[in-house]
Amino acid sequence: MTTKKLGRQTVAFAAPPVIAGYASVVGKKEGEGPLSESFDLINQDDSFGERSWEKAESAMQRLALQTALDKAELAPSGLDVLFAGDLLNQCIASSFAVRGQDVPFLGLYGACSTMAEGLALAAMTLDGGFGDWAAAVASSHFCSAERQYRTPLEYGGQRTPTAQWTVTGAGSVVLGREGNGPRVTHATIGKVVDKGIQDANNMGAAMAPAACDTLAAHFSDTGLRPSDYDLIVTGDLGELGKAIVLDLFRSDGIELGNYDDCGVMIFDLPGQDVHCGGSGCGCSATVLCGYLLGGMKAGRWKRVLFCGTGALLSPTSTLQGESIPGICHAVALSTEKGA
């Protein structure tokens, strides 16, 4: 009996699916950041022409998915399955975005790790022979997230130094069984890790241990080393969470010289007053579907390890004084043939 499983948590794809199309849609603040040139669409109106922030988030998902499909030269009806998720209760941004479209749909909730989770599941679907085309979409909106997790913007509450700024954006990837482009070669499914952090305004510290756990599992399962990748990216730990990851690996005698974090990359931290950086499902989704995949297409990197991180809290769990569980899923991407 053959198996595609490596170690405890990692899958090695026998026929690595191809990223045939990808797209990123962001709001005004994200368009003013250092990665502005990598985004497909920057809307100066964060309402995206809608009457509520939640509807605006659905609009971003529709735009990102359609743009990625256009690049892949595929109609929505050509998709065998769409994996989509967001931060809102019952993932309404995703399900409302898909209504009226002829697409088989599976909704996901992995908090800010949703893009990596969707990408891993889409790759498994195609490599398993359960379809020819699959897509993953994830989004977040600053205003809808603030209303749900903290306080409405009108309240004018002060942000703590460890707080992060929820990215207004959506990213989409279309995967095919054949074609040209970066391929998904491995996926490492993370475990829920909880180190007792209770501060909902310090999600970087809550998620960093999960990122370290998944990275360690990936390297153990595959036999690869950090230096085998041109770039290792988490998302979105922010400045504090990134520093914790570096410290934890350094304590094990490992220097991650090729490591960065989407929450640090997407904003000019001191210039845009976002405190510890970006967060939200849309953070890693837009960085992946803009800067990272664009860089791979341009030949800047051949092998990238994309590690989506999520804080699995809810407003209810925070009010009940619960600690914040973290999760991280890692997806390996390569432009090398036979990788």
C-alpha atoms as a PDB file:
ATOM      1  CA  MET A   1       0.000   0.000   0.000  1.00  0.00           C
ATOM      2  CA  THR A   2       1.399   3.403  -0.969  1.00  0.00           C
ATOM      3  CA  THR A   3       0.880   6.530   1.068  1.00  0.00           C
ATOM      4  CA  LYS A   4       1.379  10.232   0.570  1.00  0.00           C
ATOM      5  CA  LYS A   5       1.778  10.822   4.290  1.00  0.00           C
ATOM      6  CA  LEU A   6       5.120  11.895   5.698  1.00  0.00           C
ATOM      7  CA  GLY A   7       5.499  11.544   9.442  1.00  0.00           C
ATOM      8  CA  ARG A   8       2.590  12.565  11.639  1.00  0.00           C
ATOM      9  CA  GLN A   9       1.262  15.748  10.038  1.00  0.00           C
ATOM     10  CA  THR A  10       2.578  16.259   6.502  1.00  0.00           C
ATOM     11  CA  VAL A  11       1.224  15.306   3.087  1.00  0.00           C
ATOM     12  CA  ALA A  12       3.523  15.071   0.040  1.00  0.00           C
ATOM     13  CA  PHE A  13       1.511  15.433  -3.144  1.00  0.00           C
ATOM     14  CA  ALA A  14       2.156  12.795  -5.808  1.00  0.00           C
ATOM     15  CA  ALA A  15       0.871  15.101  -8.555  1.00  0.00           C
ATOM     16  CA  PRO A  16       1.422  18.614  -7.141  1.00  0.00           C
ATOM     17  CA  PRO A  17      -1.462  20.878  -8.200  1.00  0.00           C
ATOM     18  CA  VAL A  18      -0.643  24.026 -10.158  1.00  0.00           C
ATOM     19  CA  ILE A  19      -1.613  27.551  -9.145  1.00  0.00           C
ATOM     20  CA  ALA A  20      -3.256  28.598 -12.413  1.00  0.00           C
ATOM     21  CA  GLY A  21      -4.629  31.924 -11.207  1.00  0.00           C
ATOM     22  CA  TYR A  22      -4.411  34.169  -8.179  1.00  0.00           C
ATOM     23  CA  ALA A  23      -5.661  37.615  -7.221  1.00  0.00           C
ATOM     24  CA  SER A  24      -5.703  40.080  -4.338  1.00  0.00           C
ATOM     25  CA  VAL A  25      -8.153  42.887  -3.587  1.00  0.00           C
ATOM     26  CA  VAL A  26      -7.472  45.421  -0.824  1.00  0.00           C
ATOM     27  CA  GLY A  27      -8.701  48.656   0.684  1.00  0.00           C
ATOM     28  CA  LYS A  28      -7.235  52.150   0.822  1.00  0.00           C
ATOM     29  CA  LYS A  29      -4.896  51.705   3.812  1.00  0.00           C
ATOM     30  CA  GLU A  30      -3.385  48.499   2.432  1.00  0.00           C
ATOM     31  CA  GLY A  31      -2.899  50.240  -0.902  1.00  0.00           C
ATOM     32  CA  GLU A  32      -0.785  52.853   0.859  1.00  0.00           C
ATOM     33  CA  GLY A  33       1.572  50.222   2.264  1.00  0.00           C
ATOM     34  CA  PRO A  34       4.870  48.845   0.913  1.00  0.00           C
ATOM     35  CA  LEU A  35       3.232  46.022  -1.094  1.00  0.00           C
ATOM     36  CA  SER A  36       0.830  48.251  -3.046  1.00  0.00           C
ATOM     37  CA  GLU A  37       2.252  47.385  -6.471  1.00  0.00           C
ATOM     38  CA  SER A  38       1.581  43.668  -5.959  1.00  0.00           C
ATOM     39  CA  PHE A  39      -2.206  43.939  -5.484  1.00  0.00           C
ATOM     40  CA  ASP A  40      -4.629  43.467  -8.384  1.00  0.00           C
ATOM     41  CA  LEU A  41      -7.198  45.962  -7.156  1.00  0.00           C
ATOM     42  CA  ILE A  42      -6.982  48.768  -4.597  1.00  0.00           C
ATOM     43  CA  ASN A  43     -10.343  50.326  -3.809  1.00  0.00           C
ATOM     44  CA  GLN A  44     -10.251  53.827  -2.339  1.00  0.00           C
ATOM     45  CA  ASP A  45     -13.751  53.243  -0.910  1.00  0.00           C
ATOM     46  CA  ASP A  46     -13.596  50.579   1.827  1.00  0.00           C
ATOM     47  CA  SER A  47     -17.358  50.046   1.498  1.00  0.00           C
ATOM     48  CA  PHE A  48     -16.812  48.679  -2.031  1.00  0.00           C
ATOM     49  CA  GLY A  49     -20.085  50.317  -3.008  1.00  0.00           C
ATOM     50  CA  GLU A  50     -22.090  48.316  -0.447  1.00  0.00           C
ATOM     51  CA  ARG A  51     -24.387  49.414   2.408  1.00  0.00           C
ATOM     52  CA  SER A  52     -22.594  47.538   5.204  1.00  0.00           C
ATOM     53  CA  TRP A  53     -19.056  46.454   6.048  1.00  0.00           C
ATOM     54  CA  GLU A  54     -20.125  42.815   5.945  1.00  0.00           C
ATOM     55  CA  LYS A  55     -21.505  43.182   2.430  1.00  0.00           C
ATOM     56  CA  ALA A  56     -18.286  44.953   1.457  1.00  0.00           C
ATOM     57  CA  GLU A  57     -16.336  41.901   2.567  1.00  0.00           C
ATOM     58  CA  SER A  58     -18.476  39.645   0.381  1.00  0.00           C
ATOM     59  CA  ALA A  59     -17.887  42.026  -2.527  1.00  0.00           C
ATOM     60  CA  MET A  60     -14.127  41.717  -2.031  1.00  0.00           C
ATOM     61  CA  GLN A  61     -14.371  37.935  -2.153  1.00  0.00           C
ATOM     62  CA  ARG A  62     -16.359  38.012  -5.376  1.00  0.00           C
ATOM     63  CA  LEU A  63     -13.852  40.382  -6.987  1.00  0.00           C
ATOM     64  CA  ALA A  64     -10.844  38.314  -5.903  1.00  0.00           C
ATOM     65  CA  LEU A  65     -12.345  35.021  -7.050  1.00  0.00           C
ATOM     66  CA  GLN A  66     -13.488  36.369 -10.420  1.00  0.00           C
ATOM     67  CA  THR A  67     -10.091  37.970 -11.096  1.00  0.00           C
ATOM     68  CA  ALA A  68      -8.273  34.729 -10.244  1.00  0.00           C
ATOM     69  CA  LEU A  69     -10.670  32.759 -12.466  1.00  0.00           C
ATOM     70  CA  ASP A  70     -10.095  35.208 -15.307  1.00  0.00           C
ATOM     71  CA  LYS A  71      -6.344  34.679 -15.020  1.00  0.00           C
ATOM     72  CA  ALA A  72      -6.872  30.922 -15.079  1.00  0.00           C
ATOM     73  CA  GLU A  73      -9.218  31.340 -18.075  1.00  0.00           C
ATOM     74  CA  LEU A  74     -11.923  29.421 -16.212  1.00  0.00           C
ATOM     75  CA  ALA A  75     -15.613  30.100 -15.641  1.00  0.00           C
ATOM     76  CA  PRO A  76     -17.029  29.745 -12.110  1.00  0.00           C
ATOM     77  CA  SER A  77     -18.998  26.726 -13.298  1.00  0.00           C
ATOM     78  CA  GLY A  78     -15.689  25.034 -14.122  1.00  0.00           C
ATOM     79  CA  LEU A  79     -14.740  24.771 -10.452  1.00  0.00           C
ATOM     80  CA  ASP A  80     -15.253  21.393  -8.814  1.00  0.00           C
ATOM     81  CA  VAL A  81     -15.125  22.940  -5.345  1.00  0.00           C
ATOM     82  CA  LEU A  82     -14.521  26.272  -3.635  1.00  0.00           C
ATOM     83  CA  PHE A  83     -13.051  26.487  -0.126  1.00  0.00           C
ATOM     84  CA  ALA A  84     -13.724  29.880   1.461  1.00  0.00           C
ATOM     85  CA  GLY A  85     -13.693  31.471   4.885  1.00  0.00           C
ATOM     86  CA  ASP A  86     -13.588  34.705   6.859  1.00  0.00           C
ATOM     87  CA  LEU A  87     -13.722  36.009  10.432  1.00  0.00           C
ATOM     88  CA  LEU A  88     -17.425  36.749  10.721  1.00  0.00           C
ATOM     89  CA  ASN A  89     -19.916  34.667  12.685  1.00  0.00           C
ATOM     90  CA  GLN A  90     -20.971  31.614  10.657  1.00  0.00           C
ATOM     91  CA  CYS A  91     -18.601  32.775   7.849  1.00  0.00           C
ATOM     92  CA  ILE A  92     -21.335  34.911   6.304  1.00  0.00           C
ATOM     93  CA  ALA A  93     -18.937  36.937   4.145  1.00  0.00           C
ATOM     94  CA  SER A  94     -18.033  33.748   2.271  1.00  0.00           C
ATOM     95  CA  SER A  95     -21.440  32.086   1.990  1.00  0.00           C
ATOM     96  CA  PHE A  96     -23.136  35.346   0.978  1.00  0.00           C
ATOM     97  CA  ALA A  97     -20.422  35.969  -1.628  1.00  0.00           C
ATOM     98  CA  VAL A  98     -21.064  32.604  -3.289  1.00  0.00           C
ATOM     99  CA  ARG A  99     -24.867  32.690  -3.358  1.00  0.00           C
ATOM    100  CA  GLY A 100     -26.133  32.958  -6.891  1.00  0.00           C
ATOM    101  CA  GLN A 101     -22.969  31.423  -8.316  1.00  0.00           C
ATOM    102  CA  ASP A 102     -22.821  27.940  -9.804  1.00  0.00           C
ATOM    103  CA  VAL A 103     -20.026  26.694  -7.524  1.00  0.00           C
ATOM    104  CA  PRO A 104     -19.911  23.722  -5.085  1.00  0.00           C
ATOM    105  CA  PHE A 105     -18.972  25.358  -1.778  1.00  0.00           C
ATOM    106  CA  LEU A 106     -17.257  24.290   1.445  1.00  0.00           C
ATOM    107  CA  GLY A 107     -17.044  26.957   4.138  1.00  0.00           C
ATOM    108  CA  LEU A 108     -14.019  27.076   6.437  1.00  0.00           C
ATOM    109  CA  TYR A 109     -13.089  28.673   9.718  1.00  0.00           C
ATOM    110  CA  GLY A 110      -9.432  28.699  10.632  1.00  0.00           C
ATOM    111  CA  ALA A 111      -9.295  32.336  11.731  1.00  0.00           C
ATOM    112  CA  CYS A 112      -6.283  33.988  10.085  1.00  0.00           C
ATOM    113  CA  SER A 113      -4.950  30.584   8.974  1.00  0.00           C
ATOM    114  CA  THR A 114      -7.931  30.130   6.633  1.00  0.00           C
ATOM    115  CA  MET A 115      -6.026  30.843   3.398  1.00  0.00           C
ATOM    116  CA  ALA A 116      -3.420  28.180   4.155  1.00  0.00           C
ATOM    117  CA  GLU A 117      -6.130  25.759   5.270  1.00  0.00           C
ATOM    118  CA  GLY A 118      -8.137  26.313   2.083  1.00  0.00           C
ATOM    119  CA  LEU A 119      -5.058  25.980  -0.108  1.00  0.00           C
ATOM    120  CA  ALA A 120      -4.077  22.717   1.585  1.00  0.00           C
ATOM    121  CA  LEU A 121      -7.570  21.240   1.242  1.00  0.00           C
ATOM    122  CA  ALA A 122      -7.866  22.332  -2.394  1.00  0.00           C
ATOM    123  CA  ALA A 123      -4.525  20.684  -3.185  1.00  0.00           C
ATOM    124  CA  MET A 124      -5.566  17.482  -1.401  1.00  0.00           C
ATOM    125  CA  THR A 125      -8.815  17.416  -3.378  1.00  0.00           C
ATOM    126  CA  LEU A 126      -7.063  17.622  -6.724  1.00  0.00           C
ATOM    127  CA  ASP A 127      -4.159  15.331  -5.870  1.00  0.00           C
ATOM    128  CA  GLY A 128      -6.685  12.786  -4.608  1.00  0.00           C
ATOM    129  CA  GLY A 129      -8.394  12.775  -7.981  1.00  0.00           C
ATOM    130  CA  PHE A 130     -11.648  14.303  -6.729  1.00  0.00           C
ATOM    131  CA  GLY A 131     -11.697  17.084  -9.315  1.00  0.00           C
ATOM    132  CA  ASP A 132      -9.741  19.013 -11.912  1.00  0.00           C
ATOM    133  CA  TRP A 133     -10.188  22.545 -10.582  1.00  0.00           C
ATOM    134  CA  ALA A 134     -10.469  23.957  -7.053  1.00  0.00           C
ATOM    135  CA  ALA A 135     -10.220  27.410  -5.518  1.00  0.00           C
ATOM    136  CA  ALA A 136      -9.491  28.909  -2.113  1.00  0.00           C
ATOM    137  CA  VAL A 137     -10.650  32.344  -0.954  1.00  0.00           C
ATOM    138  CA  ALA A 138     -10.226  34.184   2.347  1.00  0.00           C
ATOM    139  CA  SER A 139     -11.087  37.705   3.456  1.00  0.00           C
ATOM    140  CA  SER A 140     -11.314  40.136   6.342  1.00  0.00           C
ATOM    141  CA  HIS A 141     -12.439  43.738   6.767  1.00  0.00           C
ATOM    142  CA  PHE A 142     -11.183  46.123   9.417  1.00  0.00           C
ATOM    143  CA  CYS A 143     -14.598  47.557  10.185  1.00  0.00           C
ATOM    144  CA  SER A 144     -16.538  44.275  10.283  1.00  0.00           C
ATOM    145  CA  ALA A 145     -13.875  42.689  12.509  1.00  0.00           C
ATOM    146  CA  GLU A 146     -13.785  45.635  14.908  1.00  0.00           C
ATOM    147  CA  ARG A 147     -17.571  45.522  15.239  1.00  0.00           C
ATOM    148  CA  GLN A 148     -17.563  41.801  16.002  1.00  0.00           C
ATOM    149  CA  TYR A 149     -14.469  41.288  18.143  1.00  0.00           C
ATOM    150  CA  ARG A 150     -13.957  44.591  19.904  1.00  0.00           C
ATOM    151  CA  THR A 151     -16.107  47.731  19.703  1.00  0.00           C
ATOM    152  CA  PRO A 152     -17.738  49.628  16.835  1.00  0.00           C
ATOM    153  CA  LEU A 153     -15.479  52.276  15.297  1.00  0.00           C
ATOM    154  CA  GLU A 154     -17.716  55.051  16.623  1.00  0.00           C
ATOM    155  CA  TYR A 155     -16.681  54.108  20.160  1.00  0.00           C
ATOM    156  CA  GLY A 156     -13.156  55.403  19.576  1.00  0.00           C
ATOM    157  CA  GLY A 157     -11.447  52.952  21.948  1.00  0.00           C
ATOM    158  CA  GLN A 158      -7.691  53.070  22.465  1.00  0.00           C
ATOM    159  CA  ARG A 159      -5.548  50.292  20.971  1.00  0.00           C
ATOM    160  CA  THR A 160      -2.903  48.585  23.104  1.00  0.00           C
ATOM    161  CA  PRO A 161       0.744  48.455  21.883  1.00  0.00           C
ATOM    162  CA  THR A 162       0.451  44.722  21.096  1.00  0.00           C
ATOM    163  CA  ALA A 163      -2.723  45.153  19.015  1.00  0.00           C
ATOM    164  CA  GLN A 164      -2.747  44.498  15.275  1.00  0.00           C
ATOM    165  CA  TRP A 165      -4.713  46.142  12.469  1.00  0.00           C
ATOM    166  CA  THR A 166      -7.200  43.892  10.663  1.00  0.00           C
ATOM    167  CA  VAL A 167      -6.468  43.980   6.941  1.00  0.00           C
ATOM    168  CA  THR A 168      -9.268  44.981   4.589  1.00  0.00           C
ATOM    169  CA  GLY A 169      -8.701  42.581   1.730  1.00  0.00           C
ATOM    170  CA  ALA A 170      -9.409  39.278   0.041  1.00  0.00           C
ATOM    171  CA  GLY A 171      -7.173  36.806  -1.741  1.00  0.00           C
ATOM    172  CA  SER A 172      -8.050  33.960  -4.084  1.00  0.00           C
ATOM    173  CA  VAL A 173      -6.109  31.074  -5.613  1.00  0.00           C
ATOM    174  CA  VAL A 174      -7.318  28.782  -8.414  1.00  0.00           C
ATOM    175  CA  LEU A 175      -5.655  25.364  -8.559  1.00  0.00           C
ATOM    176  CA  GLY A 176      -5.596  23.006 -11.529  1.00  0.00           C
ATOM    177  CA  ARG A 177      -4.305  19.477 -12.016  1.00  0.00           C
ATOM    178  CA  GLU A 178      -2.323  20.541 -15.086  1.00  0.00           C
ATOM    179  CA  GLY A 179      -0.653  23.678 -16.357  1.00  0.00           C
ATOM    180  CA  ASN A 180       2.211  26.052 -15.682  1.00  0.00           C
ATOM    181  CA  GLY A 181       2.912  27.972 -12.516  1.00  0.00           C
ATOM    182  CA  PRO A 182       3.974  27.408  -8.915  1.00  0.00           C
ATOM    183  CA  ARG A 183       2.983  24.016  -7.576  1.00  0.00           C
ATOM    184  CA  VAL A 184       1.774  22.989  -4.124  1.00  0.00           C
ATOM    185  CA  THR A 185       4.193  20.220  -3.118  1.00  0.00           C
ATOM    186  CA  HIS A 186       3.504  19.633   0.595  1.00  0.00           C
ATOM    187  CA  ALA A 187       1.000  20.550   3.290  1.00  0.00           C
ATOM    188  CA  THR A 188       1.586  20.238   7.022  1.00  0.00           C
ATOM    189  CA  ILE A 189      -1.618  20.274   9.062  1.00  0.00           C
ATOM    190  CA  GLY A 190      -1.181  22.059  12.362  1.00  0.00           C
ATOM    191  CA  LYS A 191      -2.288  21.157  15.857  1.00  0.00           C
ATOM    192  CA  VAL A 192      -4.173  23.423  18.244  1.00  0.00           C
ATOM    193  CA  VAL A 193      -1.628  24.923  20.665  1.00  0.00           C
ATOM    194  CA  ASP A 194      -2.647  26.936  23.719  1.00  0.00           C
ATOM    195  CA  LYS A 195      -0.030  28.509  26.013  1.00  0.00           C
ATOM    196  CA  GLY A 196      -2.534  30.336  28.192  1.00  0.00           C
ATOM    197  CA  ILE A 197      -2.508  33.802  26.587  1.00  0.00           C
ATOM    198  CA  GLN A 198      -5.808  35.524  27.447  1.00  0.00           C
ATOM    199  CA  ASP A 199      -5.296  39.004  26.012  1.00  0.00           C
ATOM    200  CA  ALA A 200      -7.337  39.296  22.810  1.00  0.00           C
ATOM    201  CA  ASN A 201      -5.186  42.275  21.871  1.00  0.00           C
ATOM    202  CA  ASN A 202      -2.025  40.149  21.872  1.00  0.00           C
ATOM    203  CA  MET A 203      -2.782  37.541  19.247  1.00  0.00           C
ATOM    204  CA  GLY A 204       0.814  37.404  18.030  1.00  0.00           C
ATOM    205  CA  ALA A 205       1.927  35.890  21.324  1.00  0.00           C
ATOM    206  CA  ALA A 206      -1.032  33.487  21.282  1.00  0.00           C
ATOM    207  CA  MET A 207      -0.266  32.199  17.757  1.00  0.00           C
ATOM    208  CA  ALA A 208       3.546  32.129  17.742  1.00  0.00           C
ATOM    209  CA  PRO A 209       3.868  28.792  19.617  1.00  0.00           C
ATOM    210  CA  ALA A 210       1.550  27.134  17.076  1.00  0.00           C
ATOM    211  CA  ALA A 211       3.704  28.476  14.232  1.00  0.00           C
ATOM    212  CA  CYS A 212       6.830  27.024  15.841  1.00  0.00           C
ATOM    213  CA  ASP A 213       5.090  23.698  16.433  1.00  0.00           C
ATOM    214  CA  THR A 214       3.987  23.356  12.804  1.00  0.00           C
ATOM    215  CA  LEU A 215       7.333  24.468  11.394  1.00  0.00           C
ATOM    216  CA  ALA A 216       9.128  21.926  13.584  1.00  0.00           C
ATOM    217  CA  ALA A 217       6.692  19.214  12.441  1.00  0.00           C
ATOM    218  CA  HIS A 218       7.203  20.140   8.785  1.00  0.00           C
ATOM    219  CA  PHE A 219      10.974  19.907   8.989  1.00  0.00           C
ATOM    220  CA  SER A 220      10.825  16.693  11.032  1.00  0.00           C
ATOM    221  CA  ASP A 221       8.307  15.002   8.713  1.00  0.00           C
ATOM    222  CA  THR A 222       9.998  15.984   5.445  1.00  0.00           C
ATOM    223  CA  GLY A 223      13.650  15.879   6.458  1.00  0.00           C
ATOM    224  CA  LEU A 224      14.038  19.364   4.995  1.00  0.00           C
ATOM    225  CA  ARG A 225      15.846  22.256   6.655  1.00  0.00           C
ATOM    226  CA  PRO A 226      14.873  25.932   6.825  1.00  0.00           C
ATOM    227  CA  SER A 227      17.678  26.685   4.370  1.00  0.00           C
ATOM    228  CA  ASP A 228      15.996  24.463   1.751  1.00  0.00           C
ATOM    229  CA  TYR A 229      13.460  27.267   1.262  1.00  0.00           C
ATOM    230  CA  ASP A 230      14.178  30.649  -0.256  1.00  0.00           C
ATOM    231  CA  LEU A 231      11.561  32.188   2.026  1.00  0.00           C
ATOM    232  CA  ILE A 232       9.541  31.067   5.049  1.00  0.00           C
ATOM    233  CA  VAL A 233       6.509  33.255   5.768  1.00  0.00           C
ATOM    234  CA  THR A 234       4.038  33.133   8.636  1.00  0.00           C
ATOM    235  CA  GLY A 235       0.849  35.113   8.694  1.00  0.00           C
ATOM    236  CA  ASP A 236      -0.064  36.952  10.647  1.00  0.00           C
ATOM    237  CA  LEU A 237       1.908  37.088  13.848  1.00  0.00           C
ATOM    238  CA  GLY A 238       2.866  40.738  13.569  1.00  0.00           C
ATOM    239  CA  GLU A 239       6.048  42.245  14.946  1.00  0.00           C
ATOM    240  CA  LEU A 240       5.808  40.709  18.426  1.00  0.00           C
ATOM    241  CA  GLY A 241       4.806  37.239  17.253  1.00  0.00           C
ATOM    242  CA  LYS A 242       7.583  37.222  14.660  1.00  0.00           C
ATOM    243  CA  ALA A 243      10.127  38.091  17.354  1.00  0.00           C
ATOM    244  CA  ILE A 244       8.826  35.239  19.534  1.00  0.00           C
ATOM    245  CA  VAL A 245       9.199  32.721  16.673  1.00  0.00           C
ATOM    246  CA  LEU A 246      12.780  33.853  16.057  1.00  0.00           C
ATOM    247  CA  ASP A 247      13.573  33.611  19.781  1.00  0.00           C
ATOM    248  CA  LEU A 248      12.047  30.134  20.149  1.00  0.00           C
ATOM    249  CA  PHE A 249      13.996  28.756  17.187  1.00  0.00           C
ATOM    250  CA  ARG A 250      17.141  30.520  18.373  1.00  0.00           C
ATOM    251  CA  SER A 251      16.793  28.778  21.731  1.00  0.00           C
ATOM    252  CA  ASP A 252      17.010  25.497  19.788  1.00  0.00           C
ATOM    253  CA  GLY A 253      20.150  26.682  18.011  1.00  0.00           C
ATOM    254  CA  ILE A 254      18.377  27.504  14.710  1.00  0.00           C
ATOM    255  CA  GLU A 255      18.664  30.885  13.004  1.00  0.00           C
ATOM    256  CA  LEU A 256      15.806  31.639  10.607  1.00  0.00           C
ATOM    257  CA  GLY A 257      17.569  34.071   8.324  1.00  0.00           C
ATOM    258  CA  ASN A 258      15.021  33.595   5.531  1.00  0.00           C
ATOM    259  CA  TYR A 259      11.913  34.224   7.660  1.00  0.00           C
ATOM    260  CA  ASP A 260       9.293  36.983   7.541  1.00  0.00           C
ATOM    261  CA  ASP A 261       5.663  37.529   8.531  1.00  0.00           C
ATOM    262  CA  CYS A 262       2.733  38.776   6.435  1.00  0.00           C
ATOM    263  CA  GLY A 263       1.519  41.016   9.259  1.00  0.00           C
ATOM    264  CA  VAL A 264       4.862  42.817   9.250  1.00  0.00           C
ATOM    265  CA  MET A 265       5.196  42.935   5.461  1.00  0.00           C
ATOM    266  CA  ILE A 266       1.839  44.417   4.451  1.00  0.00           C
ATOM    267  CA  PHE A 267       2.063  47.727   6.339  1.00  0.00           C
ATOM    268  CA  ASP A 268       4.685  50.359   7.065  1.00  0.00           C
ATOM    269  CA  LEU A 269       4.440  49.742  10.803  1.00  0.00           C
ATOM    270  CA  PRO A 270       5.711  53.080  12.154  1.00  0.00           C
ATOM    271  CA  GLY A 271       4.455  55.167   9.250  1.00  0.00           C
ATOM    272  CA  GLN A 272       0.883  53.818   9.167  1.00  0.00           C
ATOM    273  CA  ASP A 273       0.303  53.553  12.945  1.00  0.00           C
ATOM    274  CA  VAL A 274      -0.785  49.907  12.953  1.00  0.00           C
ATOM    275  CA  HIS A 275       1.050  49.046  16.164  1.00  0.00           C
ATOM    276  CA  CYS A 276       2.284  45.423  15.829  1.00  0.00           C
ATOM    277  CA  GLY A 277       1.208  45.016  12.194  1.00  0.00           C
ATOM    278  CA  GLY A 278      -1.555  43.461  10.137  1.00  0.00           C
ATOM    279  CA  SER A 279      -3.966  40.654  11.014  1.00  0.00           C
ATOM    280  CA  GLY A 280      -7.142  39.029   9.734  1.00  0.00           C
ATOM    281  CA  CYS A 281      -7.831  36.328   7.137  1.00  0.00           C
ATOM    282  CA  GLY A 282      -7.206  38.874   4.420  1.00  0.00           C
ATOM    283  CA  CYS A 283      -3.682  39.638   5.621  1.00  0.00           C
ATOM    284  CA  SER A 284      -1.893  36.428   4.640  1.00  0.00           C
ATOM    285  CA  ALA A 285      -4.356  35.888   1.764  1.00  0.00           C
ATOM    286  CA  THR A 286      -3.510  39.172   0.032  1.00  0.00           C
ATOM    287  CA  VAL A 287       0.236  38.913   0.699  1.00  0.00           C
ATOM    288  CA  LEU A 288       0.239  35.379  -0.746  1.00  0.00           C
ATOM    289  CA  CYS A 289      -1.955  36.237  -3.743  1.00  0.00           C
ATOM    290  CA  GLY A 290      -0.037  39.404  -4.478  1.00  0.00           C
ATOM    291  CA  TYR A 291       3.537  39.755  -3.306  1.00  0.00           C
ATOM    292  CA  LEU A 292       4.533  36.110  -2.749  1.00  0.00           C
ATOM    293  CA  LEU A 293       3.074  34.440  -5.845  1.00  0.00           C
ATOM    294  CA  GLY A 294       4.003  37.473  -7.918  1.00  0.00           C
ATOM    295  CA  GLY A 295       7.570  37.145  -6.674  1.00  0.00           C
ATOM    296  CA  MET A 296       7.653  33.446  -7.547  1.00  0.00           C
ATOM    297  CA  LYS A 297       6.332  34.196 -11.017  1.00  0.00           C
ATOM    298  CA  ALA A 298       9.064  36.818 -11.450  1.00  0.00           C
ATOM    299  CA  GLY A 299      11.728  34.325 -10.359  1.00  0.00           C
ATOM    300  CA  ARG A 300      12.536  36.062  -7.059  1.00  0.00           C
ATOM    301  CA  TRP A 301      11.958  32.815  -5.122  1.00  0.00           C
ATOM    302  CA  LYS A 302      11.768  29.192  -6.251  1.00  0.00           C
ATOM    303  CA  ARG A 303      10.664  27.584  -2.986  1.00  0.00           C
ATOM    304  CA  VAL A 304       8.406  29.259  -0.421  1.00  0.00           C
ATOM    305  CA  LEU A 305       6.923  27.820   2.772  1.00  0.00           C
ATOM    306  CA  PHE A 306       3.653  29.641   3.452  1.00  0.00           C
ATOM    307  CA  CYS A 307       2.435  29.195   7.035  1.00  0.00           C
ATOM    308  CA  GLY A 308      -0.982  30.618   7.872  1.00  0.00           C
ATOM    309  CA  THR A 309      -1.521  31.261  11.576  1.00  0.00           C
ATOM    310  CA  GLY A 310      -4.830  31.728  13.359  1.00  0.00           C
ATOM    311  CA  ALA A 311      -6.129  32.680  16.812  1.00  0.00           C
ATOM    312  CA  LEU A 312      -9.148  30.461  17.459  1.00  0.00           C
ATOM    313  CA  LEU A 313     -11.036  32.780  19.778  1.00  0.00           C
ATOM    314  CA  SER A 314     -14.529  34.251  19.663  1.00  0.00           C
ATOM    315  CA  PRO A 315     -16.172  37.224  21.375  1.00  0.00           C
ATOM    316  CA  THR A 316     -17.942  34.749  23.690  1.00  0.00           C
ATOM    317  CA  SER A 317     -14.743  32.934  24.697  1.00  0.00           C
ATOM    318  CA  THR A 318     -13.047  36.268  25.413  1.00  0.00           C
ATOM    319  CA  LEU A 319     -15.916  37.439  27.642  1.00  0.00           C
ATOM    320  CA  GLN A 320     -15.775  34.107  29.498  1.00  0.00           C
ATOM    321  CA  GLY A 321     -12.087  34.619  30.277  1.00  0.00           C
ATOM    322  CA  GLU A 322     -10.886  31.737  28.096  1.00  0.00           C
ATOM    323  CA  SER A 323      -7.314  31.538  26.837  1.00  0.00           C
ATOM    324  CA  ILE A 324      -6.633  31.792  23.105  1.00  0.00           C
ATOM    325  CA  PRO A 325      -5.794  28.586  21.190  1.00  0.00           C
ATOM    326  CA  GLY A 326      -3.540  29.024  18.170  1.00  0.00           C
ATOM    327  CA  ILE A 327      -3.247  27.068  14.922  1.00  0.00           C
ATOM    328  CA  CYS A 328      -0.823  27.075  12.001  1.00  0.00           C
ATOM    329  CA  HIS A 329      -0.971  25.229   8.665  1.00  0.00           C
ATOM    330  CA  ALA A 330       2.067  25.157   6.367  1.00  0.00           C
ATOM    331  CA  VAL A 331       1.913  24.853   2.581  1.00  0.00           C
ATOM    332  CA  ALA A 332       5.054  24.384   0.485  1.00  0.00           C
ATOM    333  CA  LEU A 333       5.160  26.052  -2.932  1.00  0.00           C
ATOM    334  CA  SER A 334       7.742  25.481  -5.655  1.00  0.00           C
ATOM    335  CA  THR A 335       8.439  26.589  -9.212  1.00  0.00           C
ATOM    336  CA  GLU A 336      10.993  23.809  -9.697  1.00  0.00           C
ATOM    337  CA  LYS A 337       9.998  20.933 -11.943  1.00  0.00           C
ATOM    338  CA  GLY A 338       9.839  17.628 -10.109  1.00  0.00           C
ATOM    339  CA  ALA A 339       9.919  19.351  -6.715  1.00  0.00           C
END
